[in-house]
PDB file of all heavy atoms in Angstrom:
ATOM      1  N   ARG A   1      91.425  74.599  25.245  1.00  0.00           N
ATOM      2  CA  ARG A   1      90.192  74.452  26.019  1.00  0.00           C
ATOM      3  C   ARG A   1      90.332  73.319  27.039  1.00  0.00           C
ATOM      4  O   ARG A   1      89.870  73.438  28.175  1.00  0.00           O
ATOM      5  CB  ARG A   1      89.010  74.183  25.083  1.00  0.00           C
ATOM      6  CG  ARG A   1      87.648  74.271  25.758  1.00  0.00           C
ATOM      7  CD  ARG A   1      86.534  74.024  24.764  1.00  0.00           C
ATOM      8  NE  ARG A   1      86.502  75.025  23.713  1.00  0.00           N
ATOM      9  CZ  ARG A   1      85.837  76.176  23.820  1.00  0.00           C
ATOM     10  NH1 ARG A   1      85.158  76.447  24.907  1.00  0.00           N
ATOM     11  NH2 ARG A   1      85.851  77.039  22.820  1.00  0.00           N
ATOM     12  N   PHE A   2      90.939  72.233  26.620  1.00  0.00           N
ATOM     13  CA  PHE A   2      91.201  71.095  27.493  1.00  0.00           C
ATOM     14  C   PHE A   2      91.982  71.557  28.729  1.00  0.00           C
ATOM     15  O   PHE A   2      91.630  71.228  29.871  1.00  0.00           O
ATOM     16  CB  PHE A   2      91.985  70.054  26.690  1.00  0.00           C
ATOM     17  CG  PHE A   2      92.509  68.883  27.471  1.00  0.00           C
ATOM     18  CD1 PHE A   2      91.683  67.805  27.760  1.00  0.00           C
ATOM     19  CD2 PHE A   2      93.829  68.844  27.879  1.00  0.00           C
ATOM     20  CE1 PHE A   2      92.173  66.698  28.462  1.00  0.00           C
ATOM     21  CE2 PHE A   2      94.326  67.756  28.579  1.00  0.00           C
ATOM     22  CZ  PHE A   2      93.495  66.683  28.872  1.00  0.00           C
ATOM     23  N   THR A   3      93.030  72.330  28.499  1.00  0.00           N
ATOM     24  CA  THR A   3      93.851  72.838  29.604  1.00  0.00           C
ATOM     25  C   THR A   3      93.073  73.819  30.467  1.00  0.00           C
ATOM     26  O   THR A   3      93.079  73.732  31.698  1.00  0.00           O
ATOM     27  CB  THR A   3      95.115  73.517  29.046  1.00  0.00           C
ATOM     28  OG1 THR A   3      95.910  72.551  28.358  1.00  0.00           O
ATOM     29  CG2 THR A   3      95.940  74.134  30.170  1.00  0.00           C
ATOM     30  N   ARG A   4      92.400  74.748  29.824  1.00  0.00           N
ATOM     31  CA  ARG A   4      91.687  75.794  30.559  1.00  0.00           C
ATOM     32  C   ARG A   4      90.607  75.220  31.479  1.00  0.00           C
ATOM     33  O   ARG A   4      90.475  75.647  32.630  1.00  0.00           O
ATOM     34  CB  ARG A   4      91.076  76.785  29.567  1.00  0.00           C
ATOM     35  CG  ARG A   4      90.374  77.962  30.216  1.00  0.00           C
ATOM     36  CD  ARG A   4      90.083  79.049  29.204  1.00  0.00           C
ATOM     37  NE  ARG A   4      89.226  78.608  28.123  1.00  0.00           N
ATOM     38  CZ  ARG A   4      89.625  78.437  26.860  1.00  0.00           C
ATOM     39  NH1 ARG A   4      90.878  78.639  26.519  1.00  0.00           N
ATOM     40  NH2 ARG A   4      88.761  78.047  25.937  1.00  0.00           N
ATOM     41  N   ASN A   5      89.854  74.247  31.005  1.00  0.00           N
ATOM     42  CA  ASN A   5      88.785  73.683  31.826  1.00  0.00           C
ATOM     43  C   ASN A   5      89.328  72.929  33.037  1.00  0.00           C
ATOM     44  O   ASN A   5      88.735  72.958  34.114  1.00  0.00           O
ATOM     45  CB  ASN A   5      87.892  72.782  30.984  1.00  0.00           C
ATOM     46  CG  ASN A   5      86.992  73.563  30.055  1.00  0.00           C
ATOM     47  OD1 ASN A   5      86.963  74.793  30.071  1.00  0.00           O
ATOM     48  ND2 ASN A   5      86.244  72.865  29.222  1.00  0.00           N
ATOM     49  N   HIS A   6      90.448  72.258  32.854  1.00  0.00           N
ATOM     50  CA  HIS A   6      91.061  71.577  33.994  1.00  0.00           C
ATOM     51  C   HIS A   6      91.569  72.583  35.026  1.00  0.00           C
ATOM     52  O   HIS A   6      91.425  72.362  36.242  1.00  0.00           O
ATOM     53  CB  HIS A   6      92.204  70.671  33.532  1.00  0.00           C
ATOM     54  CG  HIS A   6      91.756  69.354  32.986  1.00  0.00           C
ATOM     55  ND1 HIS A   6      91.388  69.180  31.669  1.00  0.00           N
ATOM     56  CD2 HIS A   6      91.587  68.143  33.594  1.00  0.00           C
ATOM     57  CE1 HIS A   6      91.030  67.915  31.477  1.00  0.00           C
ATOM     58  NE2 HIS A   6      91.135  67.278  32.624  1.00  0.00           N
ATOM     59  N   LEU A   7      92.146  73.664  34.556  1.00  0.00           N
ATOM     60  CA  LEU A   7      92.639  74.676  35.485  1.00  0.00           C
ATOM     61  C   LEU A   7      91.492  75.365  36.217  1.00  0.00           C
ATOM     62  O   LEU A   7      91.653  75.797  37.367  1.00  0.00           O
ATOM     63  CB  LEU A   7      93.498  75.708  34.739  1.00  0.00           C
ATOM     64  CG  LEU A   7      94.807  75.152  34.156  1.00  0.00           C
ATOM     65  CD1 LEU A   7      95.572  76.263  33.432  1.00  0.00           C
ATOM     66  CD2 LEU A   7      95.674  74.541  35.259  1.00  0.00           C
ATOM     67  N   GLN A   8      90.334  75.467  35.571  1.00  0.00           N
ATOM     68  CA  GLN A   8      89.155  76.012  36.241  1.00  0.00           C
ATOM     69  C   GLN A   8      88.803  75.157  37.451  1.00  0.00           C
ATOM     70  O   GLN A   8      88.454  75.677  38.518  1.00  0.00           O
ATOM     71  CB  GLN A   8      87.969  76.057  35.274  1.00  0.00           C
ATOM     72  CG  GLN A   8      88.110  77.046  34.120  1.00  0.00           C
ATOM     73  CD  GLN A   8      87.710  78.475  34.506  1.00  0.00           C
ATOM     74  OE1 GLN A   8      87.578  78.791  35.674  1.00  0.00           O
ATOM     75  NE2 GLN A   8      87.510  79.304  33.512  1.00  0.00           N
ATOM     76  N   LEU A   9      88.869  73.844  37.291  1.00  0.00           N
ATOM     77  CA  LEU A   9      88.558  72.947  38.396  1.00  0.00           C
ATOM     78  C   LEU A   9      89.582  73.101  39.522  1.00  0.00           C
ATOM     79  O   LEU A   9      89.219  73.166  40.700  1.00  0.00           O
ATOM     80  CB  LEU A   9      88.521  71.499  37.908  1.00  0.00           C
ATOM     81  CG  LEU A   9      88.307  70.434  38.986  1.00  0.00           C
ATOM     82  CD1 LEU A   9      86.972  70.645  39.706  1.00  0.00           C
ATOM     83  CD2 LEU A   9      88.378  69.038  38.388  1.00  0.00           C
ATOM     84  N   VAL A  10      90.852  73.165  39.165  1.00  0.00           N
ATOM     85  CA  VAL A  10      91.900  73.348  40.175  1.00  0.00           C
ATOM     86  C   VAL A  10      91.662  74.638  40.951  1.00  0.00           C
ATOM     87  O   VAL A  10      91.732  74.661  42.188  1.00  0.00           O
ATOM     88  CB  VAL A  10      93.296  73.354  39.523  1.00  0.00           C
ATOM     89  CG1 VAL A  10      94.368  73.735  40.550  1.00  0.00           C
ATOM     90  CG2 VAL A  10      93.623  71.993  38.911  1.00  0.00           C
ATOM     91  N   ASP A  11      91.378  75.722  40.243  1.00  0.00           N
ATOM     92  CA  ASP A  11      91.139  77.007  40.897  1.00  0.00           C
ATOM     93  C   ASP A  11      89.921  76.945  41.812  1.00  0.00           C
ATOM     94  O   ASP A  11      89.908  77.533  42.894  1.00  0.00           O
ATOM     95  CB  ASP A  11      90.938  78.108  39.851  1.00  0.00           C
ATOM     96  CG  ASP A  11      92.213  78.462  39.111  1.00  0.00           C
ATOM     97  OD1 ASP A  11      93.296  78.074  39.585  1.00  0.00           O
ATOM     98  OD2 ASP A  11      92.124  79.120  38.054  1.00  0.00           O
ATOM     99  N   PHE A  12      88.886  76.249  41.355  1.00  0.00           N
ATOM    100  CA  PHE A  12      87.658  76.150  42.128  1.00  0.00           C
ATOM    101  C   PHE A  12      87.911  75.430  43.444  1.00  0.00           C
ATOM    102  O   PHE A  12      87.492  75.881  44.512  1.00  0.00           O
ATOM    103  CB  PHE A  12      86.603  75.413  41.310  1.00  0.00           C
ATOM    104  CG  PHE A  12      85.214  75.485  41.880  1.00  0.00           C
ATOM    105  CD1 PHE A  12      84.394  76.562  41.617  1.00  0.00           C
ATOM    106  CD2 PHE A  12      84.726  74.467  42.680  1.00  0.00           C
ATOM    107  CE1 PHE A  12      83.117  76.631  42.139  1.00  0.00           C
ATOM    108  CE2 PHE A  12      83.447  74.522  43.204  1.00  0.00           C
ATOM    109  CZ  PHE A  12      82.638  75.615  42.936  1.00  0.00           C
ATOM    110  N   VAL A  13      88.591  74.283  43.376  1.00  0.00           N
ATOM    111  CA  VAL A  13      88.873  73.510  44.587  1.00  0.00           C
ATOM    112  C   VAL A  13      89.813  74.277  45.510  1.00  0.00           C
ATOM    113  O   VAL A  13      89.641  74.276  46.739  1.00  0.00           O
ATOM    114  CB  VAL A  13      89.463  72.128  44.229  1.00  0.00           C
ATOM    115  CG1 VAL A  13      89.884  71.375  45.493  1.00  0.00           C
ATOM    116  CG2 VAL A  13      88.450  71.311  43.441  1.00  0.00           C
ATOM    117  N   THR A  14      90.792  74.953  44.944  1.00  0.00           N
ATOM    118  CA  THR A  14      91.735  75.727  45.739  1.00  0.00           C
ATOM    119  C   THR A  14      91.030  76.844  46.511  1.00  0.00           C
ATOM    120  O   THR A  14      91.435  77.196  47.625  1.00  0.00           O
ATOM    121  CB  THR A  14      92.821  76.332  44.833  1.00  0.00           C
ATOM    122  OG1 THR A  14      93.523  75.271  44.163  1.00  0.00           O
ATOM    123  CG2 THR A  14      93.830  77.142  45.629  1.00  0.00           C
ATOM    124  N   ALA A  15      89.968  77.403  45.950  1.00  0.00           N
ATOM    125  CA  ALA A  15      89.239  78.496  46.589  1.00  0.00           C
ATOM    126  C   ALA A  15      88.371  78.041  47.756  1.00  0.00           C
ATOM    127  O   ALA A  15      87.886  78.867  48.528  1.00  0.00           O
ATOM    128  CB  ALA A  15      88.366  79.215  45.557  1.00  0.00           C
ATOM    129  N   LEU A  16      88.171  76.733  47.906  1.00  0.00           N
ATOM    130  CA  LEU A  16      87.382  76.218  49.012  1.00  0.00           C
ATOM    131  C   LEU A  16      88.192  76.241  50.307  1.00  0.00           C
ATOM    132  O   LEU A  16      89.418  76.204  50.287  1.00  0.00           O
ATOM    133  CB  LEU A  16      86.939  74.780  48.724  1.00  0.00           C
ATOM    134  CG  LEU A  16      86.081  74.536  47.482  1.00  0.00           C
ATOM    135  CD1 LEU A  16      85.841  73.039  47.308  1.00  0.00           C
ATOM    136  CD2 LEU A  16      84.768  75.277  47.568  1.00  0.00           C
ATOM    137  N   SER A  17      87.495  76.288  51.422  1.00  0.00           N
ATOM    138  CA  SER A  17      88.168  76.172  52.717  1.00  0.00           C
ATOM    139  C   SER A  17      88.592  74.711  52.897  1.00  0.00           C
ATOM    140  O   SER A  17      88.050  73.808  52.236  1.00  0.00           O
ATOM    141  CB  SER A  17      87.222  76.570  53.840  1.00  0.00           C
ATOM    142  OG  SER A  17      86.182  75.597  53.984  1.00  0.00           O
ATOM    143  N   PRO A  18      89.559  74.444  53.779  1.00  0.00           N
ATOM    144  CA  PRO A  18      89.971  73.048  54.024  1.00  0.00           C
ATOM    145  C   PRO A  18      88.796  72.149  54.398  1.00  0.00           C
ATOM    146  O   PRO A  18      88.731  70.996  53.957  1.00  0.00           O
ATOM    147  CB  PRO A  18      90.976  73.179  55.173  1.00  0.00           C
ATOM    148  CG  PRO A  18      91.577  74.537  54.977  1.00  0.00           C
ATOM    149  CD  PRO A  18      90.439  75.394  54.486  1.00  0.00           C
ATOM    150  N   ALA A  19      87.860  72.670  55.188  1.00  0.00           N
ATOM    151  CA  ALA A  19      86.706  71.858  55.577  1.00  0.00           C
ATOM    152  C   ALA A  19      85.840  71.523  54.368  1.00  0.00           C
ATOM    153  O   ALA A  19      85.321  70.406  54.251  1.00  0.00           O
ATOM    154  CB  ALA A  19      85.880  72.601  56.629  1.00  0.00           C
ATOM    155  N   GLN A  20      85.680  72.471  53.466  1.00  0.00           N
ATOM    156  CA  GLN A  20      84.870  72.237  52.276  1.00  0.00           C
ATOM    157  C   GLN A  20      85.573  71.301  51.303  1.00  0.00           C
ATOM    158  O   GLN A  20      84.928  70.521  50.606  1.00  0.00           O
ATOM    159  CB  GLN A  20      84.535  73.564  51.612  1.00  0.00           C
ATOM    160  CG  GLN A  20      83.525  74.366  52.414  1.00  0.00           C
ATOM    161  CD  GLN A  20      83.434  75.805  51.955  1.00  0.00           C
ATOM    162  OE1 GLN A  20      84.432  76.399  51.556  1.00  0.00           O
ATOM    163  NE2 GLN A  20      82.243  76.364  52.013  1.00  0.00           N
ATOM    164  N   GLN A  21      86.902  71.359  51.247  1.00  0.00           N
ATOM    165  CA  GLN A  21      87.649  70.446  50.393  1.00  0.00           C
ATOM    166  C   GLN A  21      87.491  68.999  50.859  1.00  0.00           C
ATOM    167  O   GLN A  21      87.568  68.077  50.054  1.00  0.00           O
ATOM    168  CB  GLN A  21      89.137  70.832  50.394  1.00  0.00           C
ATOM    169  CG  GLN A  21      89.417  72.151  49.702  1.00  0.00           C
ATOM    170  CD  GLN A  21      90.821  72.662  49.959  1.00  0.00           C
ATOM    171  OE1 GLN A  21      91.592  72.038  50.689  1.00  0.00           O
ATOM    172  NE2 GLN A  21      91.150  73.807  49.384  1.00  0.00           N
ATOM    173  N   GLN A  22      87.257  68.813  52.159  1.00  0.00           N
ATOM    174  CA  GLN A  22      87.125  67.473  52.736  1.00  0.00           C
ATOM    175  C   GLN A  22      85.669  67.061  52.939  1.00  0.00           C
ATOM    176  O   GLN A  22      85.403  65.954  53.408  1.00  0.00           O
ATOM    177  CB  GLN A  22      87.841  67.421  54.101  1.00  0.00           C
ATOM    178  CG  GLN A  22      89.344  67.633  54.036  1.00  0.00           C
ATOM    179  CD  GLN A  22      90.097  66.393  53.619  1.00  0.00           C
ATOM    180  OE1 GLN A  22      89.504  65.371  53.271  1.00  0.00           O
ATOM    181  NE2 GLN A  22      91.420  66.455  53.627  1.00  0.00           N
ATOM    182  N   PHE A  23      84.732  67.951  52.580  1.00  0.00           N
ATOM    183  CA  PHE A  23      83.313  67.671  52.822  1.00  0.00           C
ATOM    184  C   PHE A  23      82.861  66.456  52.012  1.00  0.00           C
ATOM    185  O   PHE A  23      83.145  66.350  50.826  1.00  0.00           O
ATOM    186  CB  PHE A  23      82.474  68.889  52.443  1.00  0.00           C
ATOM    187  CG  PHE A  23      81.001  68.706  52.705  1.00  0.00           C
ATOM    188  CD1 PHE A  23      80.459  68.999  53.947  1.00  0.00           C
ATOM    189  CD2 PHE A  23      80.159  68.232  51.716  1.00  0.00           C
ATOM    190  CE1 PHE A  23      79.101  68.825  54.196  1.00  0.00           C
ATOM    191  CE2 PHE A  23      78.799  68.055  51.955  1.00  0.00           C
ATOM    192  CZ  PHE A  23      78.276  68.348  53.203  1.00  0.00           C
ATOM    193  N   LYS A  24      82.142  65.550  52.675  1.00  0.00           N
ATOM    194  CA  LYS A  24      81.672  64.345  51.998  1.00  0.00           C
ATOM    195  C   LYS A  24      80.173  64.198  52.224  1.00  0.00           C
ATOM    196  O   LYS A  24      79.709  64.166  53.362  1.00  0.00           O
ATOM    197  CB  LYS A  24      82.410  63.117  52.525  1.00  0.00           C
ATOM    198  CG  LYS A  24      82.098  61.820  51.777  1.00  0.00           C
ATOM    199  CD  LYS A  24      82.989  60.697  52.268  1.00  0.00           C
ATOM    200  CE  LYS A  24      82.693  59.382  51.555  1.00  0.00           C
ATOM    201  NZ  LYS A  24      82.996  59.466  50.098  1.00  0.00           N
ATOM    202  N   ALA A  25      79.419  64.116  51.152  1.00  0.00           N
ATOM    203  CA  ALA A  25      77.969  63.928  51.224  1.00  0.00           C
ATOM    204  C   ALA A  25      77.653  62.487  50.838  1.00  0.00           C
ATOM    205  O   ALA A  25      77.728  62.120  49.664  1.00  0.00           O
ATOM    206  CB  ALA A  25      77.248  64.902  50.305  1.00  0.00           C
ATOM    207  N   GLY A  26      77.315  61.668  51.825  1.00  0.00           N
ATOM    208  CA  GLY A  26      77.007  60.279  51.536  1.00  0.00           C
ATOM    209  C   GLY A  26      78.197  59.555  50.927  1.00  0.00           C
ATOM    210  O   GLY A  26      79.310  59.599  51.442  1.00  0.00           O
ATOM    211  N   GLU A  27      77.943  58.922  49.773  1.00  0.00           N
ATOM    212  CA  GLU A  27      78.989  58.175  49.082  1.00  0.00           C
ATOM    213  C   GLU A  27      79.710  59.007  48.035  1.00  0.00           C
ATOM    214  O   GLU A  27      80.590  58.501  47.330  1.00  0.00           O
ATOM    215  CB  GLU A  27      78.387  56.925  48.417  1.00  0.00           C
ATOM    216  CG  GLU A  27      77.799  55.916  49.403  1.00  0.00           C
ATOM    217  CD  GLU A  27      78.824  55.423  50.406  1.00  0.00           C
ATOM    218  OE1 GLU A  27      79.948  55.075  49.979  1.00  0.00           O
ATOM    219  OE2 GLU A  27      78.504  55.392  51.604  1.00  0.00           O
ATOM    220  N   LYS A  28      79.336  60.281  47.915  1.00  0.00           N
ATOM    221  CA  LYS A  28      79.978  61.146  46.922  1.00  0.00           C
ATOM    222  C   LYS A  28      81.421  61.427  47.312  1.00  0.00           C
ATOM    223  O   LYS A  28      81.777  61.470  48.489  1.00  0.00           O
ATOM    224  CB  LYS A  28      79.217  62.473  46.797  1.00  0.00           C
ATOM    225  CG  LYS A  28      77.769  62.323  46.350  1.00  0.00           C
ATOM    226  CD  LYS A  28      77.671  61.839  44.923  1.00  0.00           C
ATOM    227  CE  LYS A  28      76.236  61.799  44.445  1.00  0.00           C
ATOM    228  NZ  LYS A  28      76.117  61.313  43.064  1.00  0.00           N
ATOM    229  N   TRP A  29      82.249  61.635  46.312  1.00  0.00           N
ATOM    230  CA  TRP A  29      83.637  61.985  46.570  1.00  0.00           C
ATOM    231  C   TRP A  29      83.741  63.397  47.131  1.00  0.00           C
ATOM    232  O   TRP A  29      82.922  64.267  46.822  1.00  0.00           O
ATOM    233  CB  TRP A  29      84.449  61.904  45.278  1.00  0.00           C
ATOM    234  CG  TRP A  29      84.588  60.542  44.696  1.00  0.00           C
ATOM    235  CD1 TRP A  29      84.410  59.345  45.334  1.00  0.00           C
ATOM    236  CD2 TRP A  29      84.941  60.224  43.343  1.00  0.00           C
ATOM    237  NE1 TRP A  29      84.634  58.304  44.474  1.00  0.00           N
ATOM    238  CE2 TRP A  29      84.960  58.804  43.241  1.00  0.00           C
ATOM    239  CE3 TRP A  29      85.252  60.988  42.217  1.00  0.00           C
ATOM    240  CZ2 TRP A  29      85.265  58.156  42.047  1.00  0.00           C
ATOM    241  CZ3 TRP A  29      85.562  60.342  41.025  1.00  0.00           C
ATOM    242  CH2 TRP A  29      85.574  58.931  40.953  1.00  0.00           C
ATOM    243  N   THR A  30      84.769  63.617  47.932  1.00  0.00           N
ATOM    244  CA  THR A  30      85.070  64.972  48.386  1.00  0.00           C
ATOM    245  C   THR A  30      85.685  65.752  47.221  1.00  0.00           C
ATOM    246  O   THR A  30      86.060  65.174  46.183  1.00  0.00           O
ATOM    247  CB  THR A  30      86.070  64.965  49.552  1.00  0.00           C
ATOM    248  OG1 THR A  30      87.352  64.506  49.060  1.00  0.00           O
ATOM    249  CG2 THR A  30      85.605  64.058  50.687  1.00  0.00           C
ATOM    250  N   ALA A  31      85.829  67.064  47.408  1.00  0.00           N
ATOM    251  CA  ALA A  31      86.445  67.885  46.362  1.00  0.00           C
ATOM    252  C   ALA A  31      87.878  67.433  46.083  1.00  0.00           C
ATOM    253  O   ALA A  31      88.323  67.417  44.931  1.00  0.00           O
ATOM    254  CB  ALA A  31      86.422  69.358  46.774  1.00  0.00           C
ATOM    255  N   LEU A  32      88.604  67.067  47.139  1.00  0.00           N
ATOM    256  CA  LEU A  32      89.977  66.593  46.940  1.00  0.00           C
ATOM    257  C   LEU A  32      90.002  65.268  46.191  1.00  0.00           C
ATOM    258  O   LEU A  32      90.890  65.038  45.353  1.00  0.00           O
ATOM    259  CB  LEU A  32      90.680  66.446  48.290  1.00  0.00           C
ATOM    260  CG  LEU A  32      90.995  67.736  49.044  1.00  0.00           C
ATOM    261  CD1 LEU A  32      91.773  67.435  50.324  1.00  0.00           C
ATOM    262  CD2 LEU A  32      91.787  68.719  48.174  1.00  0.00           C
ATOM    263  N   GLN A  33      89.041  64.412  46.468  1.00  0.00           N
ATOM    264  CA  GLN A  33      88.972  63.145  45.735  1.00  0.00           C
ATOM    265  C   GLN A  33      88.609  63.365  44.276  1.00  0.00           C
ATOM    266  O   GLN A  33      89.108  62.654  43.394  1.00  0.00           O
ATOM    267  CB  GLN A  33      87.960  62.214  46.415  1.00  0.00           C
ATOM    268  CG  GLN A  33      88.458  61.629  47.725  1.00  0.00           C
ATOM    269  CD  GLN A  33      87.424  60.735  48.377  1.00  0.00           C
ATOM    270  OE1 GLN A  33      86.273  61.138  48.570  1.00  0.00           O
ATOM    271  NE2 GLN A  33      87.817  59.517  48.708  1.00  0.00           N
ATOM    272  N   GLN A  34      87.744  64.337  44.004  1.00  0.00           N
ATOM    273  CA  GLN A  34      87.424  64.669  42.609  1.00  0.00           C
ATOM    274  C   GLN A  34      88.698  65.069  41.876  1.00  0.00           C
ATOM    275  O   GLN A  34      88.927  64.669  40.725  1.00  0.00           O
ATOM    276  CB  GLN A  34      86.410  65.820  42.565  1.00  0.00           C
ATOM    277  CG  GLN A  34      85.107  65.563  43.283  1.00  0.00           C
ATOM    278  CD  GLN A  34      84.083  64.809  42.460  1.00  0.00           C
ATOM    279  OE1 GLN A  34      84.362  64.355  41.361  1.00  0.00           O
ATOM    280  NE2 GLN A  34      82.875  64.680  42.987  1.00  0.00           N
ATOM    281  N   LEU A  35      89.540  65.845  42.550  1.00  0.00           N
ATOM    282  CA  LEU A  35      90.783  66.309  41.933  1.00  0.00           C
ATOM    283  C   LEU A  35      91.762  65.147  41.744  1.00  0.00           C
ATOM    284  O   LEU A  35      92.447  65.064  40.709  1.00  0.00           O
ATOM    285  CB  LEU A  35      91.410  67.405  42.803  1.00  0.00           C
ATOM    286  CG  LEU A  35      92.190  68.499  42.086  1.00  0.00           C
ATOM    287  CD1 LEU A  35      91.327  69.200  41.050  1.00  0.00           C
ATOM    288  CD2 LEU A  35      92.727  69.512  43.100  1.00  0.00           C
TER     289      LEU A  35
END
């Protein structure tokens, strides 16, 4: 489960467009920074 949930996050971020991966709302981390 530990492995599967991490891979879910990787897949989710990978499915975003480059602009969405770099999107920053205020002080929140971008998707790439989350990863």
